[in-house]
């Protein structure tokens, strides 16, 4: 079975709901990182002494690795349901194939 990695970039305020949704869907393994960037929102415009600068927005990157497309779809659905507001900035989700994983402690490989 193919391993899939679901990578979501979401608003920080959505984390609690997403974590609850993933736990209810029985996906306890998750990695969360704070990242910065911008999409259509183009960051935050700041004005200082007649100069306009663009700063990056803080987002959270959530990563979950699962077995197969069906489980990846369930994770995607849980994240979307928990984080959608309908406004720009809700985020993006990407799904990747994972070629191989290795458990460092045991040396167990999954292909």
N, C-alpha and C. Protein backbone atom coordinates (compact mmCIF):
# COMPACT_ATOMS: atom_id res chain seq x y z
N UNK A 1 0.84 -1.19 0.00
CA UNK A 1 0.00 0.00 0.00
C UNK A 1 0.88 1.24 0.00
N UNK A 2 0.50 2.23 -0.74
CA UNK A 2 1.27 3.47 -0.86
C UNK A 2 1.05 4.36 0.35
N UNK A 3 2.15 4.86 0.89
CA UNK A 3 2.05 5.85 1.96
C UNK A 3 1.77 7.22 1.33
N UNK A 4 0.96 8.02 2.01
CA UNK A 4 0.63 9.36 1.56
C UNK A 4 0.97 10.35 2.67
N UNK A 5 1.47 11.50 2.27
CA UNK A 5 1.74 12.58 3.22
C UNK A 5 0.77 13.72 2.92
N UNK A 6 0.02 14.10 3.93
CA UNK A 6 -0.89 15.24 3.81
C UNK A 6 -0.21 16.41 4.50
N UNK A 7 -0.06 17.50 3.76
CA UNK A 7 0.61 18.69 4.28
C UNK A 7 -0.37 19.85 4.15
N UNK A 8 -0.73 20.45 5.27
CA UNK A 8 -1.71 21.53 5.27
C UNK A 8 -1.11 22.79 5.86
N UNK A 9 -1.39 23.93 5.23
CA UNK A 9 -0.99 25.23 5.74
C UNK A 9 -2.28 25.93 6.16
N UNK A 10 -2.40 26.23 7.45
CA UNK A 10 -3.67 26.73 7.99
C UNK A 10 -3.44 27.91 8.94
N UNK A 11 -4.53 28.57 9.28
CA UNK A 11 -4.49 29.65 10.25
C UNK A 11 -4.16 29.08 11.63
N UNK A 12 -3.34 29.79 12.43
CA UNK A 12 -3.02 29.29 13.77
C UNK A 12 -4.25 29.07 14.65
N UNK A 13 -5.26 29.87 14.47
CA UNK A 13 -6.47 29.76 15.29
C UNK A 13 -7.27 28.49 15.03
N UNK A 14 -6.97 27.79 13.95
CA UNK A 14 -7.71 26.58 13.60
C UNK A 14 -7.10 25.32 14.22
N UNK A 15 -5.94 25.43 14.85
CA UNK A 15 -5.22 24.25 15.32
C UNK A 15 -6.03 23.39 16.28
N UNK A 16 -6.65 23.98 17.26
CA UNK A 16 -7.39 23.19 18.26
C UNK A 16 -8.48 22.36 17.61
N UNK A 17 -9.26 22.97 16.72
CA UNK A 17 -10.33 22.24 16.03
C UNK A 17 -9.78 21.14 15.13
N UNK A 18 -8.66 21.42 14.47
CA UNK A 18 -8.05 20.42 13.59
C UNK A 18 -7.55 19.24 14.40
N UNK A 19 -6.87 19.50 15.51
CA UNK A 19 -6.35 18.41 16.35
C UNK A 19 -7.49 17.55 16.89
N UNK A 20 -8.59 18.17 17.29
CA UNK A 20 -9.76 17.40 17.75
C UNK A 20 -10.34 16.56 16.61
N UNK A 21 -10.43 17.14 15.42
CA UNK A 21 -10.98 16.42 14.27
C UNK A 21 -10.09 15.24 13.89
N UNK A 22 -8.77 15.41 13.94
CA UNK A 22 -7.86 14.32 13.62
C UNK A 22 -7.92 13.22 14.68
N UNK A 23 -8.03 13.60 15.94
CA UNK A 23 -8.15 12.61 17.02
C UNK A 23 -9.45 11.82 16.88
N UNK A 24 -10.55 12.49 16.54
CA UNK A 24 -11.83 11.80 16.34
C UNK A 24 -11.76 10.85 15.15
N UNK A 25 -10.97 11.22 14.13
CA UNK A 25 -10.81 10.37 12.95
C UNK A 25 -9.75 9.30 13.18
N UNK A 26 -9.19 9.24 14.39
CA UNK A 26 -8.21 8.23 14.81
C UNK A 26 -6.87 8.36 14.09
N UNK A 27 -6.41 9.61 13.93
CA UNK A 27 -5.09 9.88 13.36
C UNK A 27 -4.27 10.66 14.39
N UNK A 28 -3.67 9.95 15.36
CA UNK A 28 -2.97 10.64 16.44
C UNK A 28 -1.58 11.18 16.05
N UNK A 29 -0.95 10.63 15.01
CA UNK A 29 0.39 11.05 14.63
C UNK A 29 0.36 12.27 13.74
N UNK A 30 0.87 13.38 14.25
CA UNK A 30 0.83 14.64 13.51
C UNK A 30 2.06 15.47 13.88
N UNK A 31 2.56 16.23 12.90
CA UNK A 31 3.64 17.18 13.15
C UNK A 31 3.11 18.57 12.84
N UNK A 32 3.37 19.52 13.74
CA UNK A 32 2.91 20.89 13.56
C UNK A 32 4.13 21.81 13.64
N UNK A 33 4.27 22.70 12.64
CA UNK A 33 5.37 23.67 12.60
C UNK A 33 4.80 25.05 12.34
N UNK A 34 5.41 26.05 12.96
CA UNK A 34 5.03 27.43 12.67
C UNK A 34 5.86 27.90 11.47
N UNK A 35 5.18 28.42 10.46
CA UNK A 35 5.84 28.88 9.24
C UNK A 35 5.34 30.27 8.89
N UNK A 36 6.01 30.93 7.96
CA UNK A 36 5.58 32.23 7.49
C UNK A 36 5.53 32.25 5.98
N UNK A 37 4.58 32.98 5.44
CA UNK A 37 4.45 33.10 4.00
C UNK A 37 3.23 33.92 3.65
N UNK A 38 2.88 33.90 2.38
CA UNK A 38 1.64 34.55 1.96
C UNK A 38 1.15 33.94 0.66
N UNK A 39 -0.12 34.06 0.45
CA UNK A 39 -0.76 33.63 -0.78
C UNK A 39 -1.48 34.83 -1.36
N UNK A 40 -2.77 34.65 -1.63
CA UNK A 40 -3.55 35.76 -2.18
C UNK A 40 -3.66 36.94 -1.24
N UNK A 41 -3.54 36.68 0.04
CA UNK A 41 -3.63 37.78 1.00
C UNK A 41 -2.49 38.77 0.83
N UNK A 42 -1.40 38.31 0.26
CA UNK A 42 -0.21 39.12 0.02
C UNK A 42 0.41 39.67 1.30
N UNK A 43 0.23 39.01 2.40
CA UNK A 43 0.83 39.45 3.65
C UNK A 43 0.09 40.64 4.23
N UNK A 44 0.70 41.25 5.21
CA UNK A 44 0.10 42.39 5.88
C UNK A 44 0.85 43.65 5.43
N UNK A 45 0.09 44.64 4.99
CA UNK A 45 0.72 45.90 4.60
C UNK A 45 0.96 46.74 5.84
N UNK A 46 2.20 47.19 5.97
CA UNK A 46 2.55 48.06 7.09
C UNK A 46 3.01 49.40 6.53
N UNK A 47 2.55 50.47 7.14
CA UNK A 47 2.92 51.82 6.71
C UNK A 47 3.77 52.46 7.80
N UNK A 48 4.93 52.97 7.39
CA UNK A 48 5.82 53.62 8.34
C UNK A 48 6.56 54.72 7.61
N UNK A 49 6.35 55.96 8.04
CA UNK A 49 7.03 57.12 7.45
C UNK A 49 6.91 57.15 5.93
N UNK A 50 5.70 57.08 5.46
CA UNK A 50 5.38 57.14 4.03
C UNK A 50 5.93 55.98 3.21
N UNK A 51 6.31 54.90 3.86
CA UNK A 51 6.77 53.71 3.15
C UNK A 51 5.83 52.56 3.46
N UNK A 52 5.52 51.78 2.44
CA UNK A 52 4.68 50.62 2.62
C UNK A 52 5.54 49.37 2.47
N UNK A 53 5.45 48.49 3.43
CA UNK A 53 6.18 47.22 3.35
C UNK A 53 5.20 46.07 3.51
N UNK A 54 5.56 44.94 2.97
CA UNK A 54 4.73 43.75 3.08
C UNK A 54 5.43 42.78 4.03
N UNK A 55 4.71 42.30 5.00
CA UNK A 55 5.30 41.31 5.89
C UNK A 55 4.59 39.97 5.67
N UNK A 56 5.26 38.92 6.03
CA UNK A 56 4.71 37.59 5.85
C UNK A 56 3.73 37.26 6.97
N UNK A 57 2.78 36.40 6.67
CA UNK A 57 1.78 35.98 7.65
C UNK A 57 2.25 34.70 8.33
N UNK A 58 1.94 34.57 9.60
CA UNK A 58 2.26 33.36 10.33
C UNK A 58 1.15 32.34 10.08
N UNK A 59 1.55 31.15 9.68
CA UNK A 59 0.64 30.03 9.44
C UNK A 59 1.19 28.82 10.18
N UNK A 60 0.41 27.78 10.26
CA UNK A 60 0.86 26.51 10.81
C UNK A 60 0.92 25.49 9.68
N UNK A 61 1.96 24.68 9.67
CA UNK A 61 2.08 23.59 8.72
C UNK A 61 1.81 22.30 9.49
N UNK A 62 0.80 21.57 9.05
CA UNK A 62 0.41 20.32 9.69
C UNK A 62 0.75 19.20 8.73
N UNK A 63 1.48 18.18 9.23
CA UNK A 63 1.89 17.06 8.39
C UNK A 63 1.40 15.76 9.01
N UNK A 64 0.77 14.93 8.19
CA UNK A 64 0.26 13.63 8.62
C UNK A 64 0.61 12.62 7.53
N UNK A 65 1.21 11.49 7.92
CA UNK A 65 1.50 10.42 6.96
C UNK A 65 0.59 9.25 7.26
N UNK A 66 -0.10 8.76 6.21
CA UNK A 66 -1.07 7.67 6.37
C UNK A 66 -0.87 6.63 5.28
N UNK A 67 -1.55 5.51 5.43
CA UNK A 67 -1.50 4.45 4.42
C UNK A 67 -2.66 4.60 3.45
N UNK A 68 -2.35 4.87 2.20
CA UNK A 68 -3.34 4.84 1.14
C UNK A 68 -4.12 6.12 0.92
N UNK A 69 -4.72 6.19 -0.26
CA UNK A 69 -5.47 7.36 -0.68
C UNK A 69 -6.75 7.55 0.13
N UNK A 70 -7.38 6.46 0.55
CA UNK A 70 -8.63 6.57 1.31
C UNK A 70 -8.39 7.25 2.66
N UNK A 71 -7.31 6.86 3.33
CA UNK A 71 -7.00 7.49 4.62
C UNK A 71 -6.56 8.94 4.43
N UNK A 72 -5.83 9.21 3.35
CA UNK A 72 -5.42 10.59 3.06
C UNK A 72 -6.65 11.46 2.85
N UNK A 73 -7.65 10.93 2.14
CA UNK A 73 -8.88 11.68 1.90
C UNK A 73 -9.59 11.98 3.23
N UNK A 74 -9.60 11.02 4.15
CA UNK A 74 -10.24 11.24 5.46
C UNK A 74 -9.53 12.34 6.24
N UNK A 75 -8.19 12.34 6.18
CA UNK A 75 -7.43 13.38 6.87
C UNK A 75 -7.71 14.74 6.24
N UNK A 76 -7.70 14.81 4.92
CA UNK A 76 -8.00 16.06 4.22
C UNK A 76 -9.39 16.56 4.60
N UNK A 77 -10.37 15.68 4.58
CA UNK A 77 -11.75 16.07 4.92
C UNK A 77 -11.84 16.60 6.35
N UNK A 78 -11.13 15.95 7.28
CA UNK A 78 -11.15 16.39 8.68
C UNK A 78 -10.53 17.78 8.82
N UNK A 79 -9.42 18.02 8.13
CA UNK A 79 -8.77 19.33 8.21
C UNK A 79 -9.64 20.41 7.59
N UNK A 80 -10.21 20.12 6.43
CA UNK A 80 -11.06 21.11 5.76
C UNK A 80 -12.27 21.44 6.62
N UNK A 81 -12.93 20.42 7.15
CA UNK A 81 -14.13 20.65 7.96
C UNK A 81 -13.80 21.50 9.19
N UNK A 82 -12.64 21.27 9.79
CA UNK A 82 -12.28 21.97 11.02
C UNK A 82 -11.76 23.38 10.77
N UNK A 83 -11.26 23.66 9.56
CA UNK A 83 -10.58 24.95 9.37
C UNK A 83 -11.23 25.90 8.37
N UNK A 84 -12.22 25.45 7.64
CA UNK A 84 -12.82 26.31 6.59
C UNK A 84 -13.67 27.42 7.19
N UNK A 85 -13.35 28.67 6.80
CA UNK A 85 -14.19 29.81 7.17
C UNK A 85 -14.83 30.42 5.93
N UNK A 86 -14.29 30.09 4.75
CA UNK A 86 -14.79 30.68 3.51
C UNK A 86 -14.09 31.97 3.14
N UNK A 87 -13.10 32.39 3.91
CA UNK A 87 -12.37 33.63 3.66
C UNK A 87 -11.00 33.31 3.06
N UNK A 88 -10.41 34.31 2.37
CA UNK A 88 -9.03 34.15 1.94
C UNK A 88 -8.18 33.90 3.16
N UNK A 89 -7.18 33.06 3.01
CA UNK A 89 -6.28 32.78 4.12
C UNK A 89 -6.61 31.52 4.89
N UNK A 90 -7.68 30.80 4.48
CA UNK A 90 -8.00 29.54 5.15
C UNK A 90 -6.87 28.54 4.99
N UNK A 91 -6.12 28.61 3.90
CA UNK A 91 -4.95 27.77 3.74
C UNK A 91 -4.99 26.90 2.51
N UNK A 92 -4.05 25.98 2.45
CA UNK A 92 -3.91 25.04 1.33
C UNK A 92 -3.55 23.68 1.89
N UNK A 93 -3.92 22.64 1.15
CA UNK A 93 -3.57 21.27 1.51
C UNK A 93 -2.95 20.61 0.29
N UNK A 94 -1.84 19.90 0.52
CA UNK A 94 -1.16 19.16 -0.53
C UNK A 94 -1.06 17.71 -0.09
N UNK A 95 -1.18 16.79 -1.05
CA UNK A 95 -1.05 15.35 -0.77
C UNK A 95 0.07 14.80 -1.65
N UNK A 96 1.03 14.13 -1.02
CA UNK A 96 2.20 13.60 -1.72
C UNK A 96 2.29 12.09 -1.55
N UNK A 97 2.89 11.42 -2.51
CA UNK A 97 3.27 10.02 -2.35
C UNK A 97 4.57 9.98 -1.55
N UNK A 98 4.67 9.03 -0.62
CA UNK A 98 5.89 8.83 0.16
C UNK A 98 6.56 7.57 -0.37
N UNK A 99 7.77 7.70 -0.85
CA UNK A 99 8.47 6.56 -1.44
C UNK A 99 8.90 5.55 -0.40
N UNK A 100 9.34 6.02 0.75
CA UNK A 100 9.85 5.11 1.76
C UNK A 100 9.82 5.79 3.12
N UNK A 101 9.62 5.00 4.17
CA UNK A 101 9.77 5.51 5.52
C UNK A 101 10.61 4.51 6.31
N UNK A 102 11.28 5.00 7.33
CA UNK A 102 12.17 4.17 8.13
C UNK A 102 11.98 4.53 9.59
N UNK A 103 11.76 3.52 10.43
CA UNK A 103 11.69 3.72 11.87
C UNK A 103 13.13 3.66 12.38
N UNK A 104 13.64 4.75 12.89
CA UNK A 104 15.04 4.83 13.29
C UNK A 104 15.35 3.81 14.39
N UNK A 105 14.49 3.71 15.39
CA UNK A 105 14.73 2.82 16.53
C UNK A 105 14.88 1.37 16.11
N UNK A 106 14.03 0.89 15.21
CA UNK A 106 14.03 -0.54 14.85
C UNK A 106 14.66 -0.84 13.50
N UNK A 107 14.81 0.17 12.67
CA UNK A 107 15.32 -0.03 11.32
C UNK A 107 14.26 -0.54 10.35
N UNK A 108 13.02 -0.66 10.81
CA UNK A 108 11.92 -1.13 9.97
C UNK A 108 11.68 -0.16 8.82
N UNK A 109 11.60 -0.71 7.62
CA UNK A 109 11.35 0.10 6.42
C UNK A 109 9.96 -0.19 5.89
N UNK A 110 9.35 0.86 5.34
CA UNK A 110 8.09 0.72 4.63
C UNK A 110 8.26 1.34 3.27
N UNK A 111 7.86 0.61 2.27
CA UNK A 111 8.00 1.10 0.89
C UNK A 111 6.62 1.25 0.29
